[in-house]
Amino acid sequence: MRTQKPLPNPPDEYTKEYMFDLASLVIAEESITVKTDRDNVFDKGTLIIRSPDGNYFKIVVSNAGTLSATAITTVDSRPITSDNPHYVAP
């Protein structure tokens, strides 16, 4: 599944300012995406992985380097995360 941040609608007339703003937006978004063809370093956020049976797990590493996985609650088969666009708080 891929999610994509929508780009702003173009103005009726293109301007240098619009193109600079659009380029800045694309560069900023690209810098925070995960790449599949190189190493990725995560400074913040959570790495959530789906298991073969469809459950989601959060991967955590301790200061000692121990990895652990914690089950994540789902709503409509989507994990609840701080930035989950599919989750609406009750």
PDB file of N, CA and C in Angstrom:
ATOM      1  N   MET A   1       0.838  -1.171   0.000  1.00  0.00           N
ATOM      2  CA  MET A   1       0.000   0.000   0.000  1.00  0.00           C
ATOM      3  C   MET A   1       0.884   1.237   0.000  1.00  0.00           C
ATOM      4  N   ARG A   2       0.561   2.182  -0.833  1.00  0.00           N
ATOM      5  CA  ARG A   2       1.294   3.435  -0.875  1.00  0.00           C
ATOM      6  C   ARG A   2       0.346   4.582  -0.565  1.00  0.00           C
ATOM      7  N   THR A   3       0.826   5.507   0.220  1.00  0.00           N
ATOM      8  CA  THR A   3       0.070   6.729   0.447  1.00  0.00           C
ATOM      9  C   THR A   3       0.896   7.873  -0.092  1.00  0.00           C
ATOM     10  N   GLN A   4       0.242   8.858  -0.587  1.00  0.00           N
ATOM     11  CA  GLN A   4       0.951   9.971  -1.176  1.00  0.00           C
ATOM     12  C   GLN A   4       0.312  11.264  -0.707  1.00  0.00           C
ATOM     13  N   LYS A   5       1.137  12.192  -0.284  1.00  0.00           N
ATOM     14  CA  LYS A   5       0.649  13.499   0.105  1.00  0.00           C
ATOM     15  C   LYS A   5       0.232  14.222  -1.167  1.00  0.00           C
ATOM     16  N   PRO A   6      -0.989  14.754  -1.215  1.00  0.00           N
ATOM     17  CA  PRO A   6      -1.420  15.416  -2.448  1.00  0.00           C
ATOM     18  C   PRO A   6      -0.645  16.714  -2.684  1.00  0.00           C
ATOM     19  N   LEU A   7      -0.340  16.952  -3.938  1.00  0.00           N
ATOM     20  CA  LEU A   7       0.312  18.203  -4.302  1.00  0.00           C
ATOM     21  C   LEU A   7      -0.745  19.293  -4.409  1.00  0.00           C
ATOM     22  N   PRO A   8      -0.360  20.538  -4.194  1.00  0.00           N
ATOM     23  CA  PRO A   8      -1.339  21.623  -4.306  1.00  0.00           C
ATOM     24  C   PRO A   8      -1.826  21.757  -5.740  1.00  0.00           C
ATOM     25  N   ASN A   9      -3.061  22.209  -5.897  1.00  0.00           N
ATOM     26  CA  ASN A   9      -3.588  22.441  -7.237  1.00  0.00           C
ATOM     27  C   ASN A   9      -2.803  23.575  -7.892  1.00  0.00           C
ATOM     28  N   PRO A  10      -2.548  23.453  -9.189  1.00  0.00           N
ATOM     29  CA  PRO A  10      -1.774  24.503  -9.859  1.00  0.00           C
ATOM     30  C   PRO A  10      -2.598  25.783  -9.991  1.00  0.00           C
ATOM     31  N   PRO A  11      -1.917  26.917  -9.998  1.00  0.00           N
ATOM     32  CA  PRO A  11      -2.628  28.180 -10.210  1.00  0.00           C
ATOM     33  C   PRO A  11      -3.045  28.288 -11.676  1.00  0.00           C
ATOM     34  N   ASP A  12      -3.908  29.239 -11.966  1.00  0.00           N
ATOM     35  CA  ASP A  12      -4.328  29.439 -13.359  1.00  0.00           C
ATOM     36  C   ASP A  12      -3.144  29.795 -14.246  1.00  0.00           C
ATOM     37  N   GLU A  13      -2.203  30.547 -13.682  1.00  0.00           N
ATOM     38  CA  GLU A  13      -1.018  30.936 -14.421  1.00  0.00           C
ATOM     39  C   GLU A  13       0.211  30.543 -13.623  1.00  0.00           C
ATOM     40  N   TYR A  14       1.132  29.820 -14.237  1.00  0.00           N
ATOM     41  CA  TYR A  14       2.342  29.400 -13.538  1.00  0.00           C
ATOM     42  C   TYR A  14       3.271  30.588 -13.312  1.00  0.00           C
ATOM     43  N   THR A  15       3.897  30.578 -12.144  1.00  0.00           N
ATOM     44  CA  THR A  15       4.861  31.626 -11.817  1.00  0.00           C
ATOM     45  C   THR A  15       6.119  30.965 -11.270  1.00  0.00           C
ATOM     46  N   LYS A  16       7.207  31.709 -11.256  1.00  0.00           N
ATOM     47  CA  LYS A  16       8.442  31.187 -10.675  1.00  0.00           C
ATOM     48  C   LYS A  16       8.228  30.838  -9.212  1.00  0.00           C
ATOM     49  N   GLU A  17       7.498  31.681  -8.494  1.00  0.00           N
ATOM     50  CA  GLU A  17       7.256  31.447  -7.061  1.00  0.00           C
ATOM     51  C   GLU A  17       6.536  30.111  -6.853  1.00  0.00           C
ATOM     52  N   TYR A  18       5.517  29.840  -7.667  1.00  0.00           N
ATOM     53  CA  TYR A  18       4.790  28.572  -7.552  1.00  0.00           C
ATOM     54  C   TYR A  18       5.730  27.395  -7.803  1.00  0.00           C
ATOM     55  N   MET A  19       6.544  27.488  -8.841  1.00  0.00           N
ATOM     56  CA  MET A  19       7.445  26.384  -9.166  1.00  0.00           C
ATOM     57  C   MET A  19       8.494  26.185  -8.080  1.00  0.00           C
ATOM     58  N   PHE A  20       9.028  27.266  -7.497  1.00  0.00           N
ATOM     59  CA  PHE A  20       9.984  27.139  -6.395  1.00  0.00           C
ATOM     60  C   PHE A  20       9.323  26.481  -5.189  1.00  0.00           C
ATOM     61  N   ASP A  21       8.080  26.906  -4.874  1.00  0.00           N
ATOM     62  CA  ASP A  21       7.360  26.320  -3.742  1.00  0.00           C
ATOM     63  C   ASP A  21       7.077  24.842  -3.984  1.00  0.00           C
ATOM     64  N   LEU A  22       6.670  24.494  -5.207  1.00  0.00           N
ATOM     65  CA  LEU A  22       6.385  23.106  -5.540  1.00  0.00           C
ATOM     66  C   LEU A  22       7.656  22.258  -5.452  1.00  0.00           C
ATOM     67  N   ALA A  23       8.748  22.758  -5.984  1.00  0.00           N
ATOM     68  CA  ALA A  23      10.017  22.025  -5.920  1.00  0.00           C
ATOM     69  C   ALA A  23      10.444  21.828  -4.469  1.00  0.00           C
ATOM     70  N   SER A  24      10.283  22.845  -3.636  1.00  0.00           N
ATOM     71  CA  SER A  24      10.643  22.736  -2.220  1.00  0.00           C
ATOM     72  C   SER A  24       9.791  21.679  -1.527  1.00  0.00           C
ATOM     73  N   LEU A  25       8.503  21.650  -1.836  1.00  0.00           N
ATOM     74  CA  LEU A  25       7.608  20.655  -1.250  1.00  0.00           C
ATOM     75  C   LEU A  25       8.025  19.249  -1.650  1.00  0.00           C
ATOM     76  N   VAL A  26       8.311  19.042  -2.922  1.00  0.00           N
ATOM     77  CA  VAL A  26       8.712  17.716  -3.406  1.00  0.00           C
ATOM     78  C   VAL A  26      10.028  17.285  -2.767  1.00  0.00           C
ATOM     79  N   ILE A  27      10.997  18.186  -2.681  1.00  0.00           N
ATOM     80  CA  ILE A  27      12.294  17.861  -2.073  1.00  0.00           C
ATOM     81  C   ILE A  27      12.130  17.539  -0.596  1.00  0.00           C
ATOM     82  N   ALA A  28      11.308  18.313   0.118  1.00  0.00           N
ATOM     83  CA  ALA A  28      11.090  18.073   1.548  1.00  0.00           C
ATOM     84  C   ALA A  28      10.417  16.723   1.780  1.00  0.00           C
ATOM     85  N   GLU A  29       9.420  16.388   0.978  1.00  0.00           N
ATOM     86  CA  GLU A  29       8.726  15.110   1.137  1.00  0.00           C
ATOM     87  C   GLU A  29       9.634  13.943   0.778  1.00  0.00           C
ATOM     88  N   GLU A  30      10.439  14.090  -0.260  1.00  0.00           N
ATOM     89  CA  GLU A  30      11.341  13.020  -0.672  1.00  0.00           C
ATOM     90  C   GLU A  30      12.364  12.725   0.415  1.00  0.00           C
ATOM     91  N   SER A  31      12.758  13.750   1.145  1.00  0.00           N
ATOM     92  CA  SER A  31      13.789  13.562   2.160  1.00  0.00           C
ATOM     93  C   SER A  31      13.305  12.749   3.358  1.00  0.00           C
ATOM     94  N   ILE A  32      11.984  12.647   3.548  1.00  0.00           N
ATOM     95  CA  ILE A  32      11.467  11.906   4.706  1.00  0.00           C
ATOM     96  C   ILE A  32      10.811  10.581   4.319  1.00  0.00           C
ATOM     97  N   THR A  33      10.979  10.152   3.080  1.00  0.00           N
ATOM     98  CA  THR A  33      10.394   8.885   2.662  1.00  0.00           C
ATOM     99  C   THR A  33      11.399   7.756   2.806  1.00  0.00           C
ATOM    100  N   VAL A  34      10.897   6.549   2.953  1.00  0.00           N
ATOM    101  CA  VAL A  34      11.753   5.365   3.048  1.00  0.00           C
ATOM    102  C   VAL A  34      12.136   4.941   1.639  1.00  0.00           C
ATOM    103  N   LYS A  35      13.405   4.646   1.460  1.00  0.00           N
ATOM    104  CA  LYS A  35      13.917   4.223   0.157  1.00  0.00           C
ATOM    105  C   LYS A  35      14.094   2.707   0.166  1.00  0.00           C
ATOM    106  N   THR A  36      13.742   2.057  -0.925  1.00  0.00           N
ATOM    107  CA  THR A  36      13.878   0.605  -0.987  1.00  0.00           C
ATOM    108  C   THR A  36      15.206   0.171  -1.588  1.00  0.00           C
ATOM    109  N   ASP A  37      15.955   1.113  -2.147  1.00  0.00           N
ATOM    110  CA  ASP A  37      17.204   0.747  -2.800  1.00  0.00           C
ATOM    111  C   ASP A  37      18.442   1.206  -2.034  1.00  0.00           C
ATOM    112  N   ARG A  38      18.276   1.573  -0.748  1.00  0.00           N
ATOM    113  CA  ARG A  38      19.418   2.008   0.062  1.00  0.00           C
ATOM    114  C   ARG A  38      19.078   1.904   1.534  1.00  0.00           C
ATOM    115  N   ASP A  39      20.068   2.118   2.376  1.00  0.00           N
ATOM    116  CA  ASP A  39      19.850   2.087   3.819  1.00  0.00           C
ATOM    117  C   ASP A  39      18.970   3.258   4.245  1.00  0.00           C
ATOM    118  N   ASN A  40      18.201   3.038   5.299  1.00  0.00           N
ATOM    119  CA  ASN A  40      17.356   4.078   5.861  1.00  0.00           C
ATOM    120  C   ASN A  40      17.702   4.231   7.335  1.00  0.00           C
ATOM    121  N   VAL A  41      17.768   5.448   7.813  1.00  0.00           N
ATOM    122  CA  VAL A  41      18.038   5.734   9.213  1.00  0.00           C
ATOM    123  C   VAL A  41      16.805   6.418   9.788  1.00  0.00           C
ATOM    124  N   PHE A  42      16.265   5.841  10.855  1.00  0.00           N
ATOM    125  CA  PHE A  42      15.071   6.397  11.491  1.00  0.00           C
ATOM    126  C   PHE A  42      15.471   7.064  12.798  1.00  0.00           C
ATOM    127  N   ASP A  43      15.352   8.378  12.846  1.00  0.00           N
ATOM    128  CA  ASP A  43      15.652   9.115  14.071  1.00  0.00           C
ATOM    129  C   ASP A  43      14.431   9.241  14.971  1.00  0.00           C
ATOM    130  N   LYS A  44      13.268   9.266  14.381  1.00  0.00           N
ATOM    131  CA  LYS A  44      12.028   9.360  15.154  1.00  0.00           C
ATOM    132  C   LYS A  44      10.938   8.632  14.384  1.00  0.00           C
ATOM    133  N   GLY A  45       9.821   8.461  15.023  1.00  0.00           N
ATOM    134  CA  GLY A  45       8.746   7.706  14.405  1.00  0.00           C
ATOM    135  C   GLY A  45       8.821   6.249  14.823  1.00  0.00           C
ATOM    136  N   THR A  46       7.953   5.449  14.270  1.00  0.00           N
ATOM    137  CA  THR A  46       7.854   4.042  14.640  1.00  0.00           C
ATOM    138  C   THR A  46       7.880   3.186  13.391  1.00  0.00           C
ATOM    139  N   LEU A  47       8.590   2.088  13.464  1.00  0.00           N
ATOM    140  CA  LEU A  47       8.613   1.129  12.377  1.00  0.00           C
ATOM    141  C   LEU A  47       7.550   0.075  12.670  1.00  0.00           C
ATOM    142  N   ILE A  48       6.521   0.026  11.839  1.00  0.00           N
ATOM    143  CA  ILE A  48       5.424  -0.927  12.018  1.00  0.00           C
ATOM    144  C   ILE A  48       5.427  -1.870  10.820  1.00  0.00           C
ATOM    145  N   ILE A  49       5.396  -3.164  11.131  1.00  0.00           N
ATOM    146  CA  ILE A  49       5.448  -4.193  10.097  1.00  0.00           C
ATOM    147  C   ILE A  49       4.226  -5.096  10.218  1.00  0.00           C
ATOM    148  N   ARG A  50       3.677  -5.489   9.070  1.00  0.00           N
ATOM    149  CA  ARG A  50       2.523  -6.395   9.058  1.00  0.00           C
ATOM    150  C   ARG A  50       3.021  -7.827   8.939  1.00  0.00           C
ATOM    151  N   SER A  51       2.497  -8.695   9.786  1.00  0.00           N
ATOM    152  CA  SER A  51       2.861 -10.115   9.745  1.00  0.00           C
ATOM    153  C   SER A  51       2.060 -10.812   8.644  1.00  0.00           C
ATOM    154  N   PRO A  52       2.465 -12.025   8.262  1.00  0.00           N
ATOM    155  CA  PRO A  52       1.753 -12.740   7.206  1.00  0.00           C
ATOM    156  C   PRO A  52       0.258 -12.952   7.498  1.00  0.00           C
ATOM    157  N   ASP A  53      -0.114 -13.036   8.787  1.00  0.00           N
ATOM    158  CA  ASP A  53      -1.535 -13.233   9.096  1.00  0.00           C
ATOM    159  C   ASP A  53      -2.320 -11.928   9.174  1.00  0.00           C
ATOM    160  N   GLY A  54      -1.660 -10.796   8.871  1.00  0.00           N
ATOM    161  CA  GLY A  54      -2.363  -9.511   8.812  1.00  0.00           C
ATOM    162  C   GLY A  54      -2.286  -8.669  10.073  1.00  0.00           C
ATOM    163  N   ASN A  55      -1.669  -9.189  11.142  1.00  0.00           N
ATOM    164  CA  ASN A  55      -1.507  -8.392  12.360  1.00  0.00           C
ATOM    165  C   ASN A  55      -0.343  -7.426  12.185  1.00  0.00           C
ATOM    166  N   TYR A  56      -0.374  -6.325  12.933  1.00  0.00           N
ATOM    167  CA  TYR A  56       0.683  -5.318  12.861  1.00  0.00           C
ATOM    168  C   TYR A  56       1.494  -5.309  14.149  1.00  0.00           C
ATOM    169  N   PHE A  57       2.803  -5.109  13.997  1.00  0.00           N
ATOM    170  CA  PHE A  57       3.706  -5.080  15.146  1.00  0.00           C
ATOM    171  C   PHE A  57       4.634  -3.881  15.055  1.00  0.00           C
ATOM    172  N   LYS A  58       4.866  -3.232  16.195  1.00  0.00           N
ATOM    173  CA  LYS A  58       5.805  -2.122  16.304  1.00  0.00           C
ATOM    174  C   LYS A  58       7.151  -2.692  16.701  1.00  0.00           C
ATOM    175  N   ILE A  59       8.199  -2.338  15.964  1.00  0.00           N
ATOM    176  CA  ILE A  59       9.557  -2.800  16.251  1.00  0.00           C
ATOM    177  C   ILE A  59      10.245  -1.739  17.117  1.00  0.00           C
ATOM    178  N   VAL A  60      10.826  -2.190  18.219  1.00  0.00           N
ATOM    179  CA  VAL A  60      11.480  -1.283  19.165  1.00  0.00           C
ATOM    180  C   VAL A  60      12.877  -1.805  19.448  1.00  0.00           C
ATOM    181  N   VAL A  61      13.836  -0.898  19.587  1.00  0.00           N
ATOM    182  CA  VAL A  61      15.191  -1.283  19.970  1.00  0.00           C
ATOM    183  C   VAL A  61      15.536  -0.555  21.274  1.00  0.00           C
ATOM    184  N   SER A  62      16.088  -1.316  22.221  1.00  0.00           N
ATOM    185  CA  SER A  62      16.476  -0.726  23.511  1.00  0.00           C
ATOM    186  C   SER A  62      17.858  -0.092  23.392  1.00  0.00           C
ATOM    187  N   ASN A  63      18.256   0.639  24.417  1.00  0.00           N
ATOM    188  CA  ASN A  63      19.597   1.234  24.428  1.00  0.00           C
ATOM    189  C   ASN A  63      20.686   0.170  24.395  1.00  0.00           C
ATOM    190  N   ALA A  64      20.356  -1.048  24.830  1.00  0.00           N
ATOM    191  CA  ALA A  64      21.321  -2.152  24.816  1.00  0.00           C
ATOM    192  C   ALA A  64      21.352  -2.870  23.463  1.00  0.00           C
ATOM    193  N   GLY A  65      20.478  -2.450  22.530  1.00  0.00           N
ATOM    194  CA  GLY A  65      20.461  -3.061  21.210  1.00  0.00           C
ATOM    195  C   GLY A  65      19.529  -4.246  21.077  1.00  0.00           C
ATOM    196  N   THR A  66      18.687  -4.478  22.092  1.00  0.00           N
ATOM    197  CA  THR A  66      17.743  -5.582  22.034  1.00  0.00           C
ATOM    198  C   THR A  66      16.517  -5.175  21.222  1.00  0.00           C
ATOM    199  N   LEU A  67      16.153  -6.016  20.246  1.00  0.00           N
ATOM    200  CA  LEU A  67      14.955  -5.769  19.443  1.00  0.00           C
ATOM    201  C   LEU A  67      13.765  -6.472  20.059  1.00  0.00           C
ATOM    202  N   SER A  68      12.611  -5.810  19.997  1.00  0.00           N
ATOM    203  CA  SER A  68      11.377  -6.455  20.439  1.00  0.00           C
ATOM    204  C   SER A  68      10.246  -5.997  19.529  1.00  0.00           C
ATOM    205  N   ALA A  69       9.178  -6.758  19.530  1.00  0.00           N
ATOM    206  CA  ALA A  69       8.001  -6.436  18.719  1.00  0.00           C
ATOM    207  C   ALA A  69       6.781  -6.411  19.623  1.00  0.00           C
ATOM    208  N   THR A  70       5.958  -5.384  19.451  1.00  0.00           N
ATOM    209  CA  THR A  70       4.742  -5.230  20.240  1.00  0.00           C
ATOM    210  C   THR A  70       3.555  -5.147  19.292  1.00  0.00           C
ATOM    211  N   ALA A  71       2.495  -5.910  19.574  1.00  0.00           N
ATOM    212  CA  ALA A  71       1.301  -5.879  18.734  1.00  0.00           C
ATOM    213  C   ALA A  71       0.670  -4.490  18.778  1.00  0.00           C
ATOM    214  N   ILE A  72       0.142  -4.052  17.640  1.00  0.00           N
ATOM    215  CA  ILE A  72      -0.500  -2.750  17.504  1.00  0.00           C
ATOM    216  C   ILE A  72      -1.996  -2.960  17.314  1.00  0.00           C
ATOM    217  N   THR A  73      -2.795  -2.148  17.998  1.00  0.00           N
ATOM    218  CA  THR A  73      -4.248  -2.189  17.835  1.00  0.00           C
ATOM    219  C   THR A  73      -4.622  -1.681  16.447  1.00  0.00           C
ATOM    220  N   THR A  74      -5.628  -2.299  15.848  1.00  0.00           N
ATOM    221  CA  THR A  74      -6.072  -1.878  14.516  1.00  0.00           C
ATOM    222  C   THR A  74      -7.522  -1.422  14.553  1.00  0.00           C
ATOM    223  N   VAL A  75      -7.868  -0.591  13.597  1.00  0.00           N
ATOM    224  CA  VAL A  75      -9.245  -0.166  13.360  1.00  0.00           C
ATOM    225  C   VAL A  75      -9.487  -0.358  11.872  1.00  0.00           C
ATOM    226  N   ASP A  76     -10.500  -1.128  11.527  1.00  0.00           N
ATOM    227  CA  ASP A  76     -10.781  -1.440  10.125  1.00  0.00           C
ATOM    228  C   ASP A  76      -9.542  -1.990   9.415  1.00  0.00           C
ATOM    229  N   SER A  77      -8.825  -2.875  10.088  1.00  0.00           N
ATOM    230  CA  SER A  77      -7.637  -3.540   9.561  1.00  0.00           C
ATOM    231  C   SER A  77      -6.469  -2.594   9.282  1.00  0.00           C
ATOM    232  N   ARG A  78      -6.460  -1.417   9.877  1.00  0.00           N
ATOM    233  CA  ARG A  78      -5.361  -0.466   9.743  1.00  0.00           C
ATOM    234  C   ARG A  78      -4.787  -0.206  11.125  1.00  0.00           C
ATOM    235  N   PRO A  79      -3.462  -0.155  11.267  1.00  0.00           N
ATOM    236  CA  PRO A  79      -2.870   0.089  12.586  1.00  0.00           C
ATOM    237  C   PRO A  79      -3.151   1.508  13.071  1.00  0.00           C
ATOM    238  N   ILE A  80      -3.395   1.628  14.368  1.00  0.00           N
ATOM    239  CA  ILE A  80      -3.578   2.955  14.956  1.00  0.00           C
ATOM    240  C   ILE A  80      -2.191   3.532  15.217  1.00  0.00           C
ATOM    241  N   THR A  81      -1.887   4.632  14.574  1.00  0.00           N
ATOM    242  CA  THR A  81      -0.612   5.312  14.763  1.00  0.00           C
ATOM    243  C   THR A  81      -0.880   6.785  14.991  1.00  0.00           C
ATOM    244  N   SER A  82       0.139   7.519  15.352  1.00  0.00           N
ATOM    245  CA  SER A  82      -0.040   8.946  15.607  1.00  0.00           C
ATOM    246  C   SER A  82      -0.413   9.701  14.336  1.00  0.00           C
ATOM    247  N   ASP A  83      -0.058   9.171  13.160  1.00  0.00           N
ATOM    248  CA  ASP A  83      -0.350   9.843  11.897  1.00  0.00           C
ATOM    249  C   ASP A  83      -1.229   9.003  10.978  1.00  0.00           C
ATOM    250  N   ASN A  84      -2.049   8.113  11.540  1.00  0.00           N
ATOM    251  CA  ASN A  84      -2.875   7.239  10.711  1.00  0.00           C
ATOM    252  C   ASN A  84      -4.030   8.027  10.106  1.00  0.00           C
ATOM    253  N   PRO A  85      -4.046   8.227   8.789  1.00  0.00           N
ATOM    254  CA  PRO A  85      -5.123   8.995   8.161  1.00  0.00           C
ATOM    255  C   PRO A  85      -6.459   8.264   8.159  1.00  0.00           C
ATOM    256  N   HIS A  86      -6.451   6.952   8.475  1.00  0.00           N
ATOM    257  CA  HIS A  86      -7.682   6.167   8.444  1.00  0.00           C
ATOM    258  C   HIS A  86      -8.367   6.098   9.813  1.00  0.00           C
ATOM    259  N   TYR A  87      -7.699   6.604  10.844  1.00  0.00           N
ATOM    260  CA  TYR A  87      -8.236   6.500  12.194  1.00  0.00           C
ATOM    261  C   TYR A  87      -8.905   7.806  12.603  1.00  0.00           C
ATOM    262  N   VAL A  88     -10.150   7.693  13.056  1.00  0.00           N
ATOM    263  CA  VAL A  88     -10.870   8.844  13.582  1.00  0.00           C
ATOM    264  C   VAL A  88     -11.144   8.548  15.041  1.00  0.00           C
ATOM    265  N   ALA A  89     -10.640   9.402  15.921  1.00  0.00           N
ATOM    266  CA  ALA A  89     -10.810   9.185  17.361  1.00  0.00           C
ATOM    267  C   ALA A  89     -12.280   9.197  17.723  1.00  0.00           C
ATOM    268  N   PRO A  90     -12.685   8.285  18.640  1.00  0.00           N
ATOM    269  CA  PRO A  90     -14.103   8.230  19.054  1.00  0.00           C
ATOM    270  C   PRO A  90     -14.495   9.457  19.868  1.00  0.00           C
TER     271      PRO A  90
END
